[in-house]
Amino acid sequence: MSGVWAFKDGVVRLVENDKDNAAEYHGKKKLVHVPSNEVMASYDMLQSKLTELGWERYYEDPGLLQFHKKSTINLISLPKDFNKFWPVHMNDIIVKNPNVFEVRDVE
């Protein structure tokens, strides 16, 4: 069984990785770089912002897009496919970069 844990309507549940659930959870959220108010529409955009914050690409796992910050033990791991970049991944970025990114609903 694979998937992500999602919080919805006050309940945490495992969401299977299928196309219907991907559309439901990924399609309604966007990651925004707060200082510039830019929506992170691709990994190239996100990598640029993370690099500015001192994050470096980490190439240990070829199945993931990973970033490491030398001054910390933190590691950001993202799926290679941007279409599988879900709010759970966005929240990981927010926690590790407070006040820099936020998740917003798609309008």
Protein backbone atom coordinates (compact mmCIF):
# COMPACT_ATOMS: atom_id res chain seq x y z
CA MET A 1 0.00 0.00 0.00
CA SER A 2 1.44 3.38 -0.95
CA GLY A 3 0.16 6.90 -0.52
CA VAL A 4 0.39 9.95 1.69
CA TRP A 5 -1.29 10.88 4.94
CA ALA A 6 -3.78 13.69 4.34
CA PHE A 7 -5.66 15.86 6.80
CA LYS A 8 -9.16 16.67 5.54
CA ASP A 9 -12.32 17.69 7.41
CA GLY A 10 -10.63 17.10 10.75
CA VAL A 11 -9.59 13.53 9.92
CA VAL A 12 -6.18 12.13 9.02
CA ARG A 13 -6.29 9.26 6.54
CA LEU A 14 -4.02 7.45 4.11
CA VAL A 15 -4.68 8.59 0.55
CA GLU A 16 -3.75 6.07 -2.11
CA ASN A 17 -1.55 7.26 -4.97
CA ASP A 18 -4.04 7.07 -7.80
CA LYS A 19 -5.09 9.64 -10.40
CA ASP A 20 -8.42 10.52 -8.75
CA ASN A 21 -6.84 11.27 -5.39
CA ALA A 22 -3.91 13.06 -6.97
CA ALA A 23 -6.29 15.47 -8.67
CA GLU A 24 -8.28 15.97 -5.46
CA TYR A 25 -5.30 16.76 -3.23
CA HIS A 26 -2.75 18.20 -5.63
CA GLY A 27 -5.08 20.16 -7.87
CA LYS A 28 -6.46 22.43 -5.15
CA LYS A 29 -3.21 23.73 -3.64
CA LYS A 30 -0.20 25.73 -4.76
CA LEU A 31 3.11 26.57 -3.13
CA VAL A 32 3.83 30.29 -3.04
CA HIS A 33 7.13 32.05 -2.37
CA VAL A 34 5.90 34.76 0.00
CA PRO A 35 8.56 37.48 -0.53
CA SER A 36 8.00 37.53 -4.31
CA ASN A 37 4.38 36.25 -4.29
CA GLU A 38 5.41 33.79 -7.04
CA VAL A 39 3.66 30.45 -7.45
CA MET A 40 6.15 27.61 -7.70
CA ALA A 41 4.92 26.20 -11.02
CA SER A 42 7.95 23.97 -11.66
CA TYR A 43 10.87 22.39 -9.90
CA ASP A 44 13.22 24.79 -11.70
CA MET A 45 11.47 27.73 -10.02
CA LEU A 46 11.48 25.99 -6.65
CA GLN A 47 15.14 25.00 -6.93
CA SER A 48 16.08 28.60 -7.68
CA LYS A 49 14.32 29.84 -4.53
CA LEU A 50 15.73 27.05 -2.37
CA THR A 51 19.25 27.72 -3.67
CA GLU A 52 18.87 31.38 -2.65
CA LEU A 53 18.05 30.15 0.86
CA GLY A 54 21.21 28.03 1.09
CA TRP A 55 19.78 24.65 0.03
CA GLU A 56 21.92 22.46 -2.23
CA ARG A 57 20.91 19.61 -4.51
CA TYR A 58 21.57 16.24 -2.95
CA TYR A 59 22.07 13.44 -5.49
CA GLU A 60 22.06 10.36 -3.22
CA ASP A 61 18.74 8.91 -4.45
CA PRO A 62 18.14 9.03 -8.24
CA GLY A 63 14.41 8.43 -7.72
CA LEU A 64 13.93 11.66 -5.79
CA LEU A 65 14.67 15.35 -6.08
CA GLN A 66 16.44 16.17 -2.82
CA PHE A 67 17.88 19.27 -1.18
CA HIS A 68 20.17 19.56 1.83
CA LYS A 69 21.18 22.60 3.87
CA LYS A 70 24.77 22.34 5.12
CA SER A 71 24.09 24.16 8.38
CA THR A 72 21.34 21.67 9.34
CA ILE A 73 20.48 17.99 9.28
CA ASN A 74 17.37 18.79 7.24
CA LEU A 75 16.67 17.07 3.94
CA ILE A 76 13.83 17.91 1.58
CA SER A 77 12.76 14.92 -0.53
CA LEU A 78 10.38 15.43 -3.44
CA PRO A 79 9.02 13.09 -6.11
CA LYS A 80 10.84 13.43 -9.45
CA ASP A 81 7.51 14.05 -11.20
CA PHE A 82 6.19 17.57 -10.46
CA ASN A 83 2.64 16.27 -11.01
CA LYS A 84 3.11 14.24 -7.80
CA PHE A 85 4.19 17.31 -5.81
CA TRP A 86 1.40 17.25 -3.23
CA PRO A 87 0.58 19.47 -0.24
CA VAL A 88 2.40 17.07 2.09
CA HIS A 89 5.63 17.89 0.20
CA MET A 90 4.77 21.59 0.19
CA ASN A 91 4.28 21.51 3.96
CA ASP A 92 7.70 19.91 4.42
CA ILE A 93 9.23 22.86 2.56
CA ILE A 94 7.26 25.34 4.69
CA VAL A 95 8.33 23.75 7.98
CA LYS A 96 11.99 23.85 6.95
CA ASN A 97 11.76 27.43 5.61
CA PRO A 98 9.51 29.35 8.00
CA ASN A 99 7.93 32.58 6.73
CA VAL A 100 9.29 32.04 3.20
CA PHE A 101 6.71 29.75 1.59
CA GLU A 102 3.03 29.09 2.11
CA VAL A 103 0.39 26.80 0.65
CA ARG A 104 -2.63 28.50 -0.85
CA ASP A 105 -5.82 27.24 -2.41
CA VAL A 106 -5.97 27.42 -6.19
CA GLU A 107 -8.41 30.16 -7.17
